[in-house]
C-alpha cells in the first residue's frame, strides 16, 4: 500500500508513516525498535514510534524523493528489505493530519466516544466522497473525504462487520485505521 500523493515532501518537517496490519491480534509482529532502526538506516532523522501498531514519525533524510507518493514507495521498499517481510504503508504530512482532524464530521463521538471513532488512512482518494453506505452492517456510520474515511462504531469495533476488508472494497483503495485518540496523539507528536 503506497500513496500516489503528488504533494511535495515538506523540507525539514516530520511526516507520519502509517503501516498496515502491524502487531495486530498477535500476528505480524514487528518490534518498534527494529522499525525505528530500519528507518534510521535509510537515512531518516528524528525517528520515533507511537504505540506498537506501526505509527512511525520521521524527518525525511537528504536525498529523499520529492513527493509523498515517491517517499511512500521508497519507504515501502527500504523498510521491507530491512525488516525482512512485506510492509504496506501510507504517508501523511503535519498539514494533512491537521486538516483531517479539523474536518472530522463526527464531533460528538470524537468528544464522547473517541476509542470507537476511527480514521481510515487510504493509499489514495476514495472512489467517492460523502456518506458510506453501511446500512447492511449495523449502527456504524461513516464518511469518505478524499484519502481518508471516518467511521464511528457505536457498539464497538471488535465484533463489527465493518472490517478493514469491507472499507477497502467500499473505498476502492487500501487503508489502515487508527482510533481518534491515536490520531490526536500523532497530531501532537507531529507538532512537537
N, C-alpha and C. Protein backbone atom coordinates (compact mmCIF):
# COMPACT_ATOMS: atom_id res chain seq x y z
N UNK A 1 0.86 -1.17 0.00
CA UNK A 1 0.00 0.00 0.00
C UNK A 1 0.90 1.22 0.00
N UNK A 2 0.90 1.93 -1.06
CA UNK A 2 1.67 3.17 -1.13
C UNK A 2 0.73 4.29 -1.52
N UNK A 3 1.29 5.46 -1.60
CA UNK A 3 0.46 6.63 -1.90
C UNK A 3 0.85 7.21 -3.23
N UNK A 4 -0.12 7.56 -4.03
CA UNK A 4 0.14 8.24 -5.29
C UNK A 4 0.14 9.75 -5.09
N UNK A 5 0.26 10.18 -3.84
CA UNK A 5 0.15 11.59 -3.49
C UNK A 5 1.24 12.42 -4.17
N UNK A 6 0.85 13.38 -5.02
CA UNK A 6 1.84 14.21 -5.70
C UNK A 6 2.32 15.40 -4.87
N UNK A 7 1.78 15.56 -3.66
CA UNK A 7 2.19 16.69 -2.82
C UNK A 7 3.68 16.57 -2.49
N UNK A 8 4.36 17.71 -2.38
CA UNK A 8 5.79 17.67 -2.07
C UNK A 8 6.04 17.26 -0.62
N UNK A 9 7.18 16.62 -0.42
CA UNK A 9 7.63 16.32 0.94
C UNK A 9 8.06 17.64 1.56
N UNK A 10 7.48 18.01 2.71
CA UNK A 10 7.84 19.30 3.31
C UNK A 10 9.28 19.27 3.85
N UNK A 11 10.14 20.15 3.36
CA UNK A 11 11.53 20.11 3.80
C UNK A 11 11.66 20.42 5.28
N UNK A 12 12.45 19.60 5.98
CA UNK A 12 12.72 19.84 7.39
C UNK A 12 11.60 19.48 8.34
N UNK A 13 10.48 18.99 7.85
CA UNK A 13 9.35 18.63 8.72
C UNK A 13 9.24 17.12 8.86
N UNK A 14 8.76 16.71 10.02
CA UNK A 14 8.46 15.30 10.22
C UNK A 14 7.21 14.93 9.43
N UNK A 15 7.17 13.68 9.03
CA UNK A 15 5.97 13.12 8.41
C UNK A 15 5.53 11.92 9.23
N UNK A 16 4.29 11.53 9.02
CA UNK A 16 3.70 10.38 9.69
C UNK A 16 3.63 9.23 8.70
N UNK A 17 4.20 8.10 9.08
CA UNK A 17 4.17 6.89 8.26
C UNK A 17 3.31 5.88 9.00
N UNK A 18 2.23 5.44 8.37
CA UNK A 18 1.28 4.52 8.99
C UNK A 18 1.37 3.17 8.30
N UNK A 19 1.83 2.16 9.04
CA UNK A 19 1.94 0.82 8.49
C UNK A 19 0.63 0.07 8.72
N UNK A 20 0.30 -0.80 7.79
CA UNK A 20 -0.93 -1.57 7.87
C UNK A 20 -0.66 -2.92 8.51
N UNK A 21 -1.57 -3.33 9.40
CA UNK A 21 -1.58 -4.68 9.98
C UNK A 21 -0.26 -5.05 10.65
N UNK A 22 0.22 -4.17 11.51
CA UNK A 22 1.44 -4.45 12.27
C UNK A 22 1.06 -4.67 13.73
N UNK A 23 1.50 -5.81 14.29
CA UNK A 23 1.27 -6.15 15.69
C UNK A 23 -0.20 -6.09 16.07
N UNK A 24 -1.05 -6.60 15.19
CA UNK A 24 -2.49 -6.62 15.43
C UNK A 24 -2.93 -8.05 15.68
N UNK A 25 -3.60 -8.28 16.78
CA UNK A 25 -4.16 -9.59 17.07
C UNK A 25 -3.13 -10.70 17.22
N UNK A 26 -1.92 -10.37 17.66
CA UNK A 26 -0.91 -11.38 17.91
C UNK A 26 -0.20 -11.89 16.67
N UNK A 27 -0.48 -11.28 15.53
CA UNK A 27 0.20 -11.72 14.31
C UNK A 27 0.96 -10.52 13.73
N UNK A 28 1.75 -10.80 12.74
CA UNK A 28 2.53 -9.78 12.02
C UNK A 28 3.41 -8.96 12.97
N UNK A 29 4.11 -9.67 13.86
CA UNK A 29 4.94 -9.00 14.86
C UNK A 29 6.08 -8.22 14.20
N UNK A 30 6.25 -7.00 14.66
CA UNK A 30 7.36 -6.16 14.23
C UNK A 30 7.73 -5.27 15.41
N UNK A 31 8.86 -5.57 16.07
CA UNK A 31 9.27 -4.71 17.18
C UNK A 31 9.50 -3.28 16.70
N UNK A 32 9.01 -2.33 17.47
CA UNK A 32 9.13 -0.93 17.08
C UNK A 32 10.59 -0.48 17.06
N UNK A 33 11.44 -1.07 17.90
CA UNK A 33 12.87 -0.74 17.86
C UNK A 33 13.46 -1.12 16.50
N UNK A 34 13.04 -2.25 15.95
CA UNK A 34 13.51 -2.66 14.62
C UNK A 34 13.02 -1.70 13.55
N UNK A 35 11.78 -1.25 13.67
CA UNK A 35 11.22 -0.31 12.70
C UNK A 35 11.98 1.03 12.76
N UNK A 36 12.24 1.51 13.97
CA UNK A 36 12.99 2.77 14.11
C UNK A 36 14.40 2.63 13.54
N UNK A 37 15.05 1.51 13.84
CA UNK A 37 16.41 1.29 13.33
C UNK A 37 16.41 1.21 11.81
N UNK A 38 15.43 0.55 11.23
CA UNK A 38 15.35 0.44 9.77
C UNK A 38 15.16 1.81 9.14
N UNK A 39 14.30 2.65 9.72
CA UNK A 39 14.09 4.00 9.17
C UNK A 39 15.36 4.83 9.29
N UNK A 40 16.05 4.72 10.41
CA UNK A 40 17.31 5.46 10.59
C UNK A 40 18.36 4.96 9.61
N UNK A 41 18.42 3.65 9.38
CA UNK A 41 19.37 3.07 8.42
C UNK A 41 19.13 3.61 7.01
N UNK A 42 17.90 3.99 6.72
CA UNK A 42 17.57 4.55 5.40
C UNK A 42 17.96 6.03 5.29
N UNK A 43 18.49 6.60 6.38
CA UNK A 43 18.97 7.97 6.34
C UNK A 43 18.00 9.00 6.87
N UNK A 44 16.90 8.55 7.48
CA UNK A 44 15.92 9.49 8.01
C UNK A 44 16.31 9.90 9.43
N UNK A 45 15.88 11.09 9.82
CA UNK A 45 16.25 11.65 11.13
C UNK A 45 15.02 11.78 12.01
N UNK A 46 15.27 12.09 13.29
CA UNK A 46 14.20 12.36 14.24
C UNK A 46 13.14 11.25 14.20
N UNK A 47 13.62 10.01 14.18
CA UNK A 47 12.75 8.83 14.04
C UNK A 47 12.16 8.46 15.39
N UNK A 48 10.85 8.23 15.42
CA UNK A 48 10.16 7.81 16.63
C UNK A 48 8.96 6.95 16.24
N UNK A 49 8.49 6.18 17.20
CA UNK A 49 7.26 5.41 17.01
C UNK A 49 6.30 5.78 18.13
N UNK A 50 5.03 5.51 17.89
CA UNK A 50 3.99 5.73 18.90
C UNK A 50 3.17 4.45 18.98
N UNK A 51 3.04 3.91 20.17
CA UNK A 51 2.38 2.63 20.40
C UNK A 51 3.13 1.53 19.64
N UNK A 52 2.51 0.38 19.48
CA UNK A 52 3.20 -0.73 18.82
C UNK A 52 2.51 -1.16 17.53
N UNK A 53 1.68 -0.29 16.98
CA UNK A 53 0.86 -0.67 15.83
C UNK A 53 1.31 -0.04 14.52
N UNK A 54 2.59 0.31 14.43
CA UNK A 54 3.10 0.79 13.15
C UNK A 54 2.88 2.26 12.89
N UNK A 55 3.01 3.08 13.92
CA UNK A 55 2.93 4.53 13.77
C UNK A 55 4.35 5.07 13.86
N UNK A 56 4.90 5.47 12.73
CA UNK A 56 6.28 5.90 12.63
C UNK A 56 6.33 7.38 12.26
N UNK A 57 7.12 8.13 12.97
CA UNK A 57 7.33 9.55 12.66
C UNK A 57 8.79 9.72 12.29
N UNK A 58 9.06 10.52 11.25
CA UNK A 58 10.43 10.74 10.83
C UNK A 58 10.55 12.02 10.03
N UNK A 59 11.76 12.56 10.02
CA UNK A 59 12.09 13.69 9.15
C UNK A 59 12.83 13.08 7.96
N UNK A 60 12.26 13.18 6.76
CA UNK A 60 12.91 12.56 5.60
C UNK A 60 14.35 13.03 5.45
N UNK A 61 15.23 12.06 5.20
CA UNK A 61 16.65 12.36 5.08
C UNK A 61 17.00 13.06 3.78
N UNK A 62 18.24 13.56 3.71
CA UNK A 62 18.70 14.19 2.47
C UNK A 62 18.60 13.20 1.32
N UNK A 63 18.19 13.69 0.20
CA UNK A 63 18.06 12.83 -0.97
C UNK A 63 16.76 12.05 -1.01
N UNK A 64 15.86 12.32 -0.06
CA UNK A 64 14.55 11.65 -0.09
C UNK A 64 13.78 12.11 -1.32
N UNK A 65 12.91 11.24 -1.84
CA UNK A 65 12.10 11.62 -3.00
C UNK A 65 11.32 12.91 -2.75
N UNK A 66 10.98 13.59 -3.83
CA UNK A 66 10.35 14.90 -3.73
C UNK A 66 8.87 14.91 -3.44
N UNK A 67 8.15 13.81 -3.73
CA UNK A 67 6.72 13.80 -3.46
C UNK A 67 6.40 12.77 -2.38
N UNK A 68 5.26 12.95 -1.75
CA UNK A 68 4.84 12.00 -0.71
C UNK A 68 4.65 10.60 -1.29
N UNK A 69 4.11 10.53 -2.50
CA UNK A 69 3.93 9.23 -3.14
C UNK A 69 5.25 8.52 -3.37
N UNK A 70 6.24 9.27 -3.86
CA UNK A 70 7.56 8.68 -4.07
C UNK A 70 8.22 8.30 -2.75
N UNK A 71 8.04 9.13 -1.73
CA UNK A 71 8.58 8.81 -0.41
C UNK A 71 7.94 7.54 0.13
N UNK A 72 6.63 7.41 -0.02
CA UNK A 72 5.93 6.19 0.43
C UNK A 72 6.48 4.97 -0.29
N UNK A 73 6.69 5.08 -1.60
CA UNK A 73 7.24 3.95 -2.36
C UNK A 73 8.64 3.59 -1.87
N UNK A 74 9.49 4.61 -1.67
CA UNK A 74 10.86 4.37 -1.21
C UNK A 74 10.87 3.75 0.19
N UNK A 75 10.01 4.24 1.08
CA UNK A 75 9.93 3.67 2.42
C UNK A 75 9.43 2.24 2.38
N UNK A 76 8.43 1.97 1.55
CA UNK A 76 7.91 0.61 1.44
C UNK A 76 9.02 -0.34 1.03
N UNK A 77 9.75 0.02 0.00
CA UNK A 77 10.84 -0.84 -0.49
C UNK A 77 11.94 -0.97 0.55
N UNK A 78 12.41 0.16 1.08
CA UNK A 78 13.53 0.13 2.02
C UNK A 78 13.21 -0.56 3.33
N UNK A 79 12.05 -0.27 3.90
CA UNK A 79 11.67 -0.90 5.17
C UNK A 79 11.40 -2.39 4.98
N UNK A 80 10.77 -2.76 3.87
CA UNK A 80 10.51 -4.17 3.59
C UNK A 80 11.83 -4.94 3.52
N UNK A 81 12.82 -4.39 2.82
CA UNK A 81 14.12 -5.05 2.72
C UNK A 81 14.78 -5.19 4.09
N UNK A 82 14.69 -4.18 4.91
CA UNK A 82 15.39 -4.20 6.19
C UNK A 82 14.70 -5.04 7.26
N UNK A 83 13.39 -5.11 7.25
CA UNK A 83 12.72 -5.92 8.29
C UNK A 83 12.44 -7.35 7.82
N UNK A 84 12.63 -7.61 6.53
CA UNK A 84 12.55 -8.97 6.04
C UNK A 84 11.16 -9.51 5.79
N UNK A 85 10.19 -8.64 5.65
CA UNK A 85 8.85 -9.09 5.28
C UNK A 85 8.11 -7.94 4.61
N UNK A 86 7.11 -8.27 3.79
CA UNK A 86 6.39 -7.21 3.09
C UNK A 86 5.66 -6.28 4.05
N UNK A 87 5.75 -5.01 3.76
CA UNK A 87 5.05 -4.00 4.54
C UNK A 87 4.20 -3.15 3.61
N UNK A 88 3.08 -2.70 4.13
CA UNK A 88 2.21 -1.77 3.40
C UNK A 88 2.10 -0.52 4.26
N UNK A 89 2.18 0.65 3.62
CA UNK A 89 2.17 1.88 4.40
C UNK A 89 1.63 3.04 3.58
N UNK A 90 1.32 4.10 4.29
CA UNK A 90 0.93 5.37 3.68
C UNK A 90 1.56 6.49 4.49
N UNK A 91 1.74 7.64 3.87
CA UNK A 91 2.44 8.76 4.50
C UNK A 91 1.53 9.99 4.53
N UNK A 92 1.59 10.74 5.64
CA UNK A 92 0.84 11.99 5.76
C UNK A 92 1.75 13.07 6.35
N UNK A 93 1.53 14.30 5.92
CA UNK A 93 2.24 15.45 6.48
C UNK A 93 1.49 15.98 7.70
N UNK A 94 2.16 16.86 8.42
CA UNK A 94 1.50 17.51 9.56
C UNK A 94 0.28 18.28 9.08
N UNK A 95 0.41 19.01 7.97
CA UNK A 95 -0.72 19.80 7.45
C UNK A 95 -1.89 18.90 7.08
N UNK A 96 -1.61 17.74 6.50
CA UNK A 96 -2.69 16.81 6.15
C UNK A 96 -3.38 16.27 7.39
N UNK A 97 -2.61 15.95 8.43
CA UNK A 97 -3.21 15.46 9.67
C UNK A 97 -4.02 16.57 10.34
N UNK A 98 -3.48 17.78 10.38
CA UNK A 98 -4.24 18.90 10.94
C UNK A 98 -5.56 19.08 10.20
N UNK A 99 -5.51 18.98 8.88
CA UNK A 99 -6.71 19.15 8.06
C UNK A 99 -7.74 18.06 8.33
N UNK A 100 -7.30 16.80 8.43
CA UNK A 100 -8.28 15.73 8.64
C UNK A 100 -8.88 15.79 10.03
N UNK A 101 -8.12 16.28 11.02
CA UNK A 101 -8.68 16.45 12.36
C UNK A 101 -9.73 17.56 12.34
N UNK A 102 -9.42 18.67 11.69
CA UNK A 102 -10.35 19.80 11.62
C UNK A 102 -11.62 19.44 10.85
N UNK A 103 -11.51 18.54 9.88
CA UNK A 103 -12.65 18.18 9.03
C UNK A 103 -13.50 17.05 9.58
N UNK A 104 -13.19 16.54 10.76
CA UNK A 104 -13.92 15.41 11.33
C UNK A 104 -15.44 15.67 11.30
N UNK A 105 -16.20 14.80 10.60
CA UNK A 105 -17.64 15.01 10.52
C UNK A 105 -18.41 14.49 11.75
N UNK A 106 -17.70 13.91 12.73
CA UNK A 106 -18.36 13.31 13.89
C UNK A 106 -17.81 13.90 15.19
N UNK A 107 -18.10 15.17 15.47
CA UNK A 107 -17.56 15.78 16.69
C UNK A 107 -18.10 15.16 17.97
N UNK A 108 -19.33 14.69 17.96
CA UNK A 108 -19.89 14.06 19.16
C UNK A 108 -19.10 12.83 19.58
N UNK A 109 -18.95 11.83 18.69
CA UNK A 109 -18.13 10.67 19.05
C UNK A 109 -16.67 11.03 19.35
N UNK A 110 -16.14 12.04 18.67
CA UNK A 110 -14.76 12.45 18.94
C UNK A 110 -14.61 12.88 20.39
N UNK A 111 -15.62 13.58 20.90
CA UNK A 111 -15.57 14.07 22.28
C UNK A 111 -15.97 13.01 23.29
N UNK A 112 -16.99 12.20 22.95
CA UNK A 112 -17.59 11.29 23.94
C UNK A 112 -17.26 9.82 23.75
N UNK A 113 -16.75 9.43 22.60
CA UNK A 113 -16.50 8.01 22.32
C UNK A 113 -15.28 7.86 21.40
N UNK A 114 -14.14 8.49 21.74
CA UNK A 114 -13.01 8.54 20.82
C UNK A 114 -12.38 7.18 20.51
N UNK A 115 -12.54 6.21 21.38
CA UNK A 115 -11.98 4.88 21.11
C UNK A 115 -12.73 4.16 20.01
N UNK A 116 -13.99 4.58 19.75
CA UNK A 116 -14.80 3.92 18.73
C UNK A 116 -14.99 4.75 17.47
N UNK A 117 -14.25 5.85 17.37
CA UNK A 117 -14.22 6.64 16.14
C UNK A 117 -12.85 6.41 15.52
N UNK A 118 -12.84 5.96 14.27
CA UNK A 118 -11.56 5.71 13.60
C UNK A 118 -11.43 6.56 12.35
N UNK A 119 -10.19 6.84 12.01
CA UNK A 119 -9.85 7.44 10.74
C UNK A 119 -9.17 6.36 9.92
N UNK A 120 -9.66 6.16 8.70
CA UNK A 120 -9.05 5.21 7.78
C UNK A 120 -8.17 6.02 6.83
N UNK A 121 -6.88 5.76 6.87
CA UNK A 121 -5.91 6.44 6.01
C UNK A 121 -5.73 5.59 4.76
N UNK A 122 -6.18 6.11 3.62
CA UNK A 122 -6.15 5.36 2.37
C UNK A 122 -4.89 5.68 1.58
N UNK A 123 -4.57 4.79 0.63
CA UNK A 123 -3.39 5.00 -0.21
C UNK A 123 -3.69 5.89 -1.41
N UNK A 124 -4.84 6.50 -1.45
CA UNK A 124 -5.23 7.44 -2.49
C UNK A 124 -6.68 7.82 -2.23
N UNK A 125 -7.24 8.70 -3.05
CA UNK A 125 -8.62 9.14 -2.82
C UNK A 125 -9.63 7.99 -2.93
N UNK A 126 -10.61 8.00 -2.03
CA UNK A 126 -11.70 7.02 -2.10
C UNK A 126 -12.47 7.23 -3.40
N UNK A 127 -13.13 6.17 -3.83
CA UNK A 127 -13.83 6.27 -5.12
C UNK A 127 -14.92 7.33 -5.12
N UNK A 128 -15.45 7.68 -3.95
CA UNK A 128 -16.47 8.75 -3.87
C UNK A 128 -16.41 9.40 -2.50
N UNK A 129 -16.55 10.71 -2.47
CA UNK A 129 -16.64 11.43 -1.19
C UNK A 129 -18.07 11.32 -0.67
N UNK A 130 -18.22 11.56 0.62
CA UNK A 130 -19.55 11.58 1.21
C UNK A 130 -19.82 10.37 2.08
N UNK A 131 -21.08 10.23 2.44
CA UNK A 131 -21.51 9.16 3.34
C UNK A 131 -21.24 7.77 2.76
N UNK A 132 -20.78 6.88 3.64
CA UNK A 132 -20.62 5.48 3.27
C UNK A 132 -21.96 4.79 3.42
N UNK A 133 -22.24 3.85 2.55
CA UNK A 133 -23.46 3.06 2.71
C UNK A 133 -23.13 1.86 3.59
N UNK A 134 -23.40 2.00 4.88
CA UNK A 134 -23.15 0.94 5.85
C UNK A 134 -24.46 0.36 6.38
N UNK A 135 -25.55 0.62 5.68
CA UNK A 135 -26.88 0.24 6.17
C UNK A 135 -27.02 -1.26 6.41
N UNK A 136 -26.30 -2.08 5.70
CA UNK A 136 -26.43 -3.52 5.87
C UNK A 136 -25.54 -4.11 6.95
N UNK A 137 -24.87 -3.27 7.70
CA UNK A 137 -23.88 -3.77 8.65
C UNK A 137 -24.24 -3.58 10.11
N UNK A 138 -25.07 -2.64 10.44
CA UNK A 138 -25.38 -2.35 11.83
C UNK A 138 -25.54 -0.86 12.03
N UNK A 139 -25.18 -0.39 13.22
CA UNK A 139 -25.38 1.03 13.55
C UNK A 139 -24.18 1.91 13.19
N UNK A 140 -23.15 1.35 12.60
CA UNK A 140 -22.00 2.14 12.23
C UNK A 140 -22.37 3.20 11.20
N UNK A 141 -21.65 4.29 11.23
CA UNK A 141 -21.83 5.31 10.20
C UNK A 141 -20.45 5.78 9.78
N UNK A 142 -20.34 6.17 8.52
CA UNK A 142 -19.04 6.56 8.01
C UNK A 142 -19.13 7.58 6.89
N UNK A 143 -18.03 8.27 6.70
CA UNK A 143 -17.94 9.30 5.67
C UNK A 143 -16.55 9.23 5.04
N UNK A 144 -16.53 9.28 3.70
CA UNK A 144 -15.26 9.41 2.97
C UNK A 144 -15.00 10.88 2.72
N UNK A 145 -13.73 11.25 2.82
CA UNK A 145 -13.31 12.61 2.48
C UNK A 145 -11.91 12.51 1.88
N UNK A 146 -11.83 12.58 0.58
CA UNK A 146 -10.53 12.48 -0.09
C UNK A 146 -9.87 11.15 0.18
N UNK A 147 -8.68 11.19 0.77
CA UNK A 147 -7.91 9.98 1.04
C UNK A 147 -8.09 9.47 2.47
N UNK A 148 -9.15 9.91 3.14
CA UNK A 148 -9.46 9.43 4.48
C UNK A 148 -10.93 9.05 4.58
N UNK A 149 -11.19 8.17 5.51
CA UNK A 149 -12.56 7.84 5.88
C UNK A 149 -12.68 7.96 7.39
N UNK A 150 -13.86 8.29 7.84
CA UNK A 150 -14.16 8.38 9.27
C UNK A 150 -15.28 7.39 9.53
N UNK A 151 -15.11 6.53 10.52
CA UNK A 151 -16.14 5.54 10.85
C UNK A 151 -16.36 5.55 12.36
N UNK A 152 -17.64 5.66 12.75
CA UNK A 152 -18.00 5.56 14.16
C UNK A 152 -18.64 4.20 14.38
N UNK A 153 -18.08 3.46 15.35
CA UNK A 153 -18.55 2.13 15.72
C UNK A 153 -19.22 2.23 17.09
N UNK A 154 -20.50 2.62 17.18
CA UNK A 154 -21.11 2.85 18.50
C UNK A 154 -21.20 1.60 19.36
N UNK A 155 -21.19 0.42 18.74
CA UNK A 155 -21.29 -0.83 19.50
C UNK A 155 -19.94 -1.52 19.65
N UNK A 156 -18.86 -0.84 19.31
CA UNK A 156 -17.52 -1.41 19.41
C UNK A 156 -16.99 -1.88 18.07
N UNK A 157 -15.68 -1.95 17.98
CA UNK A 157 -15.02 -2.29 16.73
C UNK A 157 -14.83 -3.80 16.59
N UNK A 158 -14.50 -4.48 17.68
CA UNK A 158 -14.11 -5.88 17.63
C UNK A 158 -15.11 -6.83 17.02
N UNK A 159 -16.39 -6.59 17.21
CA UNK A 159 -17.41 -7.50 16.69
C UNK A 159 -18.12 -6.95 15.46
N UNK A 160 -17.72 -5.79 15.02
CA UNK A 160 -18.39 -5.15 13.89
C UNK A 160 -18.13 -5.91 12.59
N UNK A 161 -19.11 -5.87 11.72
CA UNK A 161 -18.96 -6.45 10.39
C UNK A 161 -18.32 -5.45 9.42
N UNK A 162 -18.12 -4.22 9.87
CA UNK A 162 -17.45 -3.21 9.05
C UNK A 162 -15.95 -3.36 9.30
N UNK A 163 -15.36 -4.31 8.58
CA UNK A 163 -13.95 -4.67 8.75
C UNK A 163 -13.07 -3.86 7.80
N UNK A 164 -11.78 -4.04 7.95
CA UNK A 164 -10.83 -3.38 7.04
C UNK A 164 -11.10 -3.79 5.60
N UNK A 165 -11.40 -5.06 5.37
CA UNK A 165 -11.70 -5.52 4.02
C UNK A 165 -12.94 -4.86 3.43
N UNK A 166 -13.97 -4.70 4.24
CA UNK A 166 -15.19 -4.02 3.78
C UNK A 166 -14.86 -2.58 3.41
N UNK A 167 -14.13 -1.90 4.26
CA UNK A 167 -13.78 -0.50 3.99
C UNK A 167 -12.91 -0.37 2.75
N UNK A 168 -11.97 -1.28 2.56
CA UNK A 168 -11.14 -1.25 1.35
C UNK A 168 -12.00 -1.41 0.10
N UNK A 169 -12.96 -2.33 0.15
CA UNK A 169 -13.85 -2.53 -1.01
C UNK A 169 -14.70 -1.29 -1.28
N UNK A 170 -15.26 -0.72 -0.23
CA UNK A 170 -16.08 0.48 -0.40
C UNK A 170 -15.27 1.65 -0.96
N UNK A 171 -14.04 1.79 -0.50
CA UNK A 171 -13.20 2.91 -0.94
C UNK A 171 -12.59 2.67 -2.31
N UNK A 172 -12.44 1.39 -2.69
CA UNK A 172 -11.70 1.09 -3.91
C UNK A 172 -10.21 1.32 -3.71
N UNK A 173 -9.78 1.30 -2.48
CA UNK A 173 -8.39 1.56 -2.09
C UNK A 173 -8.03 0.67 -0.92
N UNK A 174 -6.76 0.71 -0.55
CA UNK A 174 -6.29 0.00 0.63
C UNK A 174 -6.02 1.03 1.72
N UNK A 175 -6.39 0.68 2.94
CA UNK A 175 -6.21 1.63 4.03
C UNK A 175 -5.76 0.99 5.32
N UNK A 176 -5.46 1.84 6.27
CA UNK A 176 -5.13 1.42 7.62
C UNK A 176 -5.81 2.39 8.58
N UNK A 177 -6.36 1.88 9.66
CA UNK A 177 -7.19 2.71 10.54
C UNK A 177 -6.50 2.96 11.88
N UNK A 178 -6.79 4.13 12.45
CA UNK A 178 -6.35 4.48 13.79
C UNK A 178 -7.53 5.13 14.51
N UNK A 179 -7.66 4.83 15.81
CA UNK A 179 -8.77 5.46 16.54
C UNK A 179 -8.46 6.92 16.81
N UNK A 180 -9.49 7.65 17.19
CA UNK A 180 -9.39 9.10 17.32
C UNK A 180 -8.34 9.51 18.35
N UNK A 181 -8.26 8.78 19.46
CA UNK A 181 -7.25 9.10 20.47
C UNK A 181 -5.85 9.01 19.88
N UNK A 182 -5.60 7.97 19.11
CA UNK A 182 -4.29 7.80 18.49
C UNK A 182 -4.03 8.89 17.47
N UNK A 183 -5.03 9.23 16.67
CA UNK A 183 -4.87 10.31 15.68
C UNK A 183 -4.47 11.61 16.38
N UNK A 184 -5.14 11.94 17.48
CA UNK A 184 -4.82 13.18 18.19
C UNK A 184 -3.41 13.13 18.79
N UNK A 185 -3.02 11.97 19.31
CA UNK A 185 -1.67 11.83 19.86
C UNK A 185 -0.62 11.98 18.76
N UNK A 186 -0.89 11.41 17.60
CA UNK A 186 0.05 11.53 16.48
C UNK A 186 0.12 12.98 15.98
N UNK A 187 -1.02 13.65 15.95
CA UNK A 187 -1.03 15.06 15.56
C UNK A 187 -0.14 15.87 16.51
N UNK A 188 -0.26 15.60 17.79
CA UNK A 188 0.55 16.32 18.79
C UNK A 188 2.04 16.03 18.60
N UNK A 189 2.38 14.78 18.32
CA UNK A 189 3.79 14.43 18.10
C UNK A 189 4.34 15.08 16.84
N UNK A 190 3.53 15.19 15.81
CA UNK A 190 3.98 15.88 14.60
C UNK A 190 4.24 17.36 14.88
N UNK A 191 3.43 17.96 15.73
CA UNK A 191 3.57 19.38 16.04
C UNK A 191 4.76 19.65 16.95
N UNK A 192 5.13 18.65 17.77
CA UNK A 192 6.18 18.85 18.77
C UNK A 192 7.51 18.59 18.22
